[in-house]
Amino acid sequence: MYKTTVKIDGMMCSMCEAHVNDAVRKKLTVKKVTSSHKKGETVIISEGEITKQELSGVIDETGYKVISVTSEPYEKKGLFGRR
């Protein structure tokens, strides 16, 4: 699993967050996606890596601009996660 953090320019409110989240869910295979207009970022949890080109294509269609993309291996933590 991978955690991808996307810095996005243009999100101003919770409706912007929802718009980005919906676009990502519709176009990419993801486990979880959350956005924050205050932080100006979207965090995606997915089985495989997502490229900057894929993300830019999806997010640019919504009218927002991708500033940067970082990806790192992700291991679920918590009650049922591995130790």
N, C-alpha and C. Protein backbone atom coordinates (compact mmCIF):
# COMPACT_ATOMS: atom_id res chain seq x y z
N MET A 1 0.85 -1.17 0.00
CA MET A 1 0.00 0.00 0.00
C MET A 1 0.89 1.24 0.00
N TYR A 2 0.33 2.31 -0.58
CA TYR A 2 1.07 3.57 -0.69
C TYR A 2 0.24 4.73 -0.19
N LYS A 3 0.94 5.69 0.41
CA LYS A 3 0.32 6.95 0.83
C LYS A 3 0.90 8.02 -0.09
N THR A 4 0.00 8.67 -0.83
CA THR A 4 0.42 9.71 -1.76
C THR A 4 -0.15 11.03 -1.28
N THR A 5 0.71 12.02 -1.10
CA THR A 5 0.29 13.35 -0.68
C THR A 5 0.45 14.30 -1.85
N VAL A 6 -0.66 14.97 -2.19
CA VAL A 6 -0.68 15.86 -3.33
C VAL A 6 -0.94 17.28 -2.84
N LYS A 7 0.00 18.18 -3.10
CA LYS A 7 -0.21 19.60 -2.78
C LYS A 7 -0.99 20.20 -3.94
N ILE A 8 -2.10 20.87 -3.62
CA ILE A 8 -3.01 21.38 -4.64
C ILE A 8 -3.26 22.87 -4.42
N ASP A 9 -3.23 23.62 -5.51
CA ASP A 9 -3.52 25.05 -5.46
C ASP A 9 -4.94 25.29 -5.93
N GLY A 10 -5.69 26.08 -5.18
CA GLY A 10 -7.02 26.49 -5.62
C GLY A 10 -8.18 26.03 -4.76
N MET A 11 -7.96 25.09 -3.84
CA MET A 11 -9.07 24.65 -2.98
C MET A 11 -9.34 25.72 -1.93
N MET A 12 -10.60 26.16 -1.86
CA MET A 12 -10.95 27.25 -0.94
C MET A 12 -11.95 26.86 0.15
N CYS A 13 -12.65 25.72 -0.02
CA CYS A 13 -13.71 25.37 0.93
C CYS A 13 -13.95 23.87 0.95
N SER A 14 -14.89 23.42 1.76
CA SER A 14 -15.17 22.00 1.87
C SER A 14 -15.78 21.44 0.58
N MET A 15 -16.48 22.26 -0.19
CA MET A 15 -17.02 21.80 -1.47
C MET A 15 -15.87 21.54 -2.46
N CYS A 16 -14.82 22.33 -2.39
CA CYS A 16 -13.63 22.10 -3.23
C CYS A 16 -13.02 20.74 -2.87
N GLU A 17 -12.92 20.46 -1.57
CA GLU A 17 -12.38 19.18 -1.11
C GLU A 17 -13.21 18.03 -1.67
N ALA A 18 -14.53 18.15 -1.57
CA ALA A 18 -15.43 17.10 -2.06
C ALA A 18 -15.28 16.91 -3.57
N HIS A 19 -15.14 18.00 -4.29
CA HIS A 19 -14.98 17.94 -5.74
C HIS A 19 -13.72 17.16 -6.11
N VAL A 20 -12.61 17.46 -5.46
CA VAL A 20 -11.35 16.77 -5.71
C VAL A 20 -11.47 15.29 -5.32
N ASN A 21 -12.03 15.01 -4.13
CA ASN A 21 -12.17 13.63 -3.66
C ASN A 21 -13.01 12.80 -4.64
N ASP A 22 -14.13 13.36 -5.09
CA ASP A 22 -15.00 12.64 -6.03
C ASP A 22 -14.28 12.35 -7.35
N ALA A 23 -13.54 13.32 -7.85
CA ALA A 23 -12.81 13.14 -9.11
C ALA A 23 -11.77 12.04 -8.98
N VAL A 24 -11.05 12.02 -7.87
CA VAL A 24 -10.01 11.00 -7.64
C VAL A 24 -10.66 9.62 -7.54
N ARG A 25 -11.75 9.52 -6.78
CA ARG A 25 -12.43 8.22 -6.61
C ARG A 25 -12.97 7.69 -7.94
N LYS A 26 -13.46 8.57 -8.80
CA LYS A 26 -14.05 8.14 -10.08
C LYS A 26 -13.01 7.68 -11.08
N LYS A 27 -11.84 8.31 -11.08
CA LYS A 27 -10.84 8.05 -12.12
C LYS A 27 -9.70 7.11 -11.72
N LEU A 28 -9.46 6.98 -10.41
CA LEU A 28 -8.33 6.17 -9.94
C LEU A 28 -8.82 5.11 -8.95
N THR A 29 -8.07 4.01 -8.85
CA THR A 29 -8.39 2.96 -7.89
C THR A 29 -7.69 3.30 -6.58
N VAL A 30 -8.51 3.70 -5.59
CA VAL A 30 -7.95 4.11 -4.30
C VAL A 30 -8.72 3.44 -3.16
N LYS A 31 -8.05 3.29 -2.03
CA LYS A 31 -8.68 2.77 -0.82
C LYS A 31 -9.35 3.89 -0.04
N LYS A 32 -8.64 5.05 0.02
CA LYS A 32 -9.13 6.18 0.81
C LYS A 32 -8.58 7.46 0.22
N VAL A 33 -9.38 8.52 0.25
CA VAL A 33 -8.91 9.83 -0.19
C VAL A 33 -9.51 10.89 0.73
N THR A 34 -8.67 11.78 1.22
CA THR A 34 -9.12 12.89 2.05
C THR A 34 -8.40 14.16 1.60
N SER A 35 -9.14 15.26 1.62
CA SER A 35 -8.56 16.55 1.22
C SER A 35 -8.74 17.58 2.32
N SER A 36 -7.85 18.55 2.34
CA SER A 36 -7.93 19.67 3.28
C SER A 36 -7.62 20.96 2.53
N HIS A 37 -8.63 21.84 2.45
CA HIS A 37 -8.38 23.12 1.78
C HIS A 37 -7.48 24.00 2.63
N LYS A 38 -7.52 23.82 3.96
CA LYS A 38 -6.67 24.61 4.85
C LYS A 38 -5.19 24.26 4.65
N LYS A 39 -4.90 22.97 4.49
CA LYS A 39 -3.52 22.53 4.25
C LYS A 39 -3.15 22.61 2.77
N GLY A 40 -4.17 22.67 1.92
CA GLY A 40 -3.91 22.69 0.47
C GLY A 40 -3.39 21.37 -0.04
N GLU A 41 -3.94 20.27 0.53
CA GLU A 41 -3.45 18.97 0.11
C GLU A 41 -4.53 17.90 0.10
N THR A 42 -4.23 16.85 -0.65
CA THR A 42 -5.06 15.66 -0.70
C THR A 42 -4.17 14.47 -0.39
N VAL A 43 -4.65 13.57 0.49
CA VAL A 43 -3.90 12.38 0.86
C VAL A 43 -4.67 11.17 0.34
N ILE A 44 -3.96 10.31 -0.39
CA ILE A 44 -4.57 9.15 -1.02
C ILE A 44 -3.87 7.88 -0.53
N ILE A 45 -4.68 6.90 -0.12
CA ILE A 45 -4.16 5.59 0.23
C ILE A 45 -4.58 4.64 -0.90
N SER A 46 -3.61 3.93 -1.48
CA SER A 46 -3.90 3.05 -2.61
C SER A 46 -3.04 1.79 -2.55
N GLU A 47 -3.48 0.77 -3.28
CA GLU A 47 -2.71 -0.49 -3.35
C GLU A 47 -1.41 -0.30 -4.12
N GLY A 48 -1.47 0.46 -5.21
CA GLY A 48 -0.29 0.68 -6.04
C GLY A 48 0.08 2.15 -6.08
N GLU A 49 1.27 2.42 -6.59
CA GLU A 49 1.71 3.81 -6.71
C GLU A 49 0.88 4.54 -7.77
N ILE A 50 0.64 5.80 -7.54
CA ILE A 50 -0.06 6.65 -8.51
C ILE A 50 0.95 7.71 -8.97
N THR A 51 1.08 7.86 -10.28
CA THR A 51 2.07 8.79 -10.81
C THR A 51 1.56 10.23 -10.77
N LYS A 52 2.51 11.15 -10.82
CA LYS A 52 2.16 12.57 -10.86
C LYS A 52 1.35 12.88 -12.12
N GLN A 53 1.67 12.21 -13.23
CA GLN A 53 0.94 12.43 -14.48
C GLN A 53 -0.52 12.02 -14.34
N GLU A 54 -0.77 10.87 -13.70
CA GLU A 54 -2.15 10.41 -13.49
C GLU A 54 -2.91 11.41 -12.63
N LEU A 55 -2.29 11.83 -11.53
CA LEU A 55 -2.94 12.77 -10.62
C LEU A 55 -3.17 14.12 -11.27
N SER A 56 -2.18 14.61 -11.99
CA SER A 56 -2.33 15.90 -12.66
C SER A 56 -3.48 15.85 -13.66
N GLY A 57 -3.58 14.76 -14.40
CA GLY A 57 -4.66 14.61 -15.38
C GLY A 57 -6.03 14.68 -14.74
N VAL A 58 -6.19 13.98 -13.61
CA VAL A 58 -7.48 13.95 -12.91
C VAL A 58 -7.79 15.29 -12.25
N ILE A 59 -6.83 15.84 -11.54
CA ILE A 59 -7.07 17.06 -10.76
C ILE A 59 -7.16 18.30 -11.64
N ASP A 60 -6.35 18.36 -12.69
CA ASP A 60 -6.42 19.50 -13.61
C ASP A 60 -7.80 19.63 -14.25
N GLU A 61 -8.46 18.49 -14.49
CA GLU A 61 -9.81 18.50 -15.06
C GLU A 61 -10.82 19.19 -14.13
N THR A 62 -10.54 19.20 -12.84
CA THR A 62 -11.46 19.81 -11.86
C THR A 62 -11.25 21.32 -11.74
N GLY A 63 -10.18 21.82 -12.35
CA GLY A 63 -9.91 23.26 -12.28
C GLY A 63 -8.89 23.65 -11.24
N TYR A 64 -8.34 22.67 -10.53
CA TYR A 64 -7.30 22.92 -9.53
C TYR A 64 -5.96 22.54 -10.12
N LYS A 65 -4.87 22.98 -9.47
CA LYS A 65 -3.54 22.74 -10.02
C LYS A 65 -2.69 21.95 -9.04
N VAL A 66 -2.07 20.88 -9.54
CA VAL A 66 -1.16 20.07 -8.74
C VAL A 66 0.17 20.80 -8.63
N ILE A 67 0.62 21.01 -7.39
CA ILE A 67 1.90 21.68 -7.15
C ILE A 67 3.01 20.64 -6.97
N SER A 68 2.74 19.62 -6.15
CA SER A 68 3.74 18.57 -5.94
C SER A 68 3.05 17.27 -5.52
N VAL A 69 3.78 16.18 -5.72
CA VAL A 69 3.29 14.85 -5.35
C VAL A 69 4.41 14.10 -4.65
N THR A 70 4.12 13.55 -3.47
CA THR A 70 5.08 12.69 -2.78
C THR A 70 4.39 11.38 -2.45
N SER A 71 5.15 10.30 -2.55
CA SER A 71 4.59 8.98 -2.31
C SER A 71 5.52 8.20 -1.39
N GLU A 72 4.92 7.43 -0.48
CA GLU A 72 5.72 6.62 0.43
C GLU A 72 4.96 5.33 0.75
N PRO A 73 5.69 4.27 1.11
CA PRO A 73 5.01 3.04 1.51
C PRO A 73 4.13 3.33 2.73
N TYR A 74 2.99 2.65 2.80
CA TYR A 74 2.04 2.89 3.87
C TYR A 74 1.67 1.57 4.51
N GLU A 75 1.73 1.53 5.83
CA GLU A 75 1.30 0.36 6.57
C GLU A 75 0.23 0.80 7.55
N LYS A 76 -0.92 0.18 7.45
CA LYS A 76 -2.04 0.54 8.31
C LYS A 76 -1.67 0.28 9.76
N LYS A 77 -1.96 1.25 10.60
CA LYS A 77 -1.69 1.13 12.03
C LYS A 77 -3.02 0.98 12.75
N GLY A 78 -2.96 0.51 13.96
CA GLY A 78 -4.19 0.42 14.74
C GLY A 78 -4.44 -0.99 15.22
N LEU A 79 -5.66 -1.22 15.64
CA LEU A 79 -6.05 -2.46 16.26
C LEU A 79 -5.75 -3.69 15.41
N PHE A 80 -6.05 -3.60 14.10
CA PHE A 80 -5.88 -4.75 13.23
C PHE A 80 -4.64 -4.67 12.34
N GLY A 81 -3.84 -3.64 12.51
CA GLY A 81 -2.63 -3.49 11.72
C GLY A 81 -1.54 -4.43 12.20
N ARG A 82 -0.53 -4.62 11.37
CA ARG A 82 0.60 -5.48 11.76
C ARG A 82 1.46 -4.76 12.77
N ARG A 83 2.17 -5.55 13.53
CA ARG A 83 3.08 -4.97 14.52
C ARG A 83 4.49 -5.31 14.15
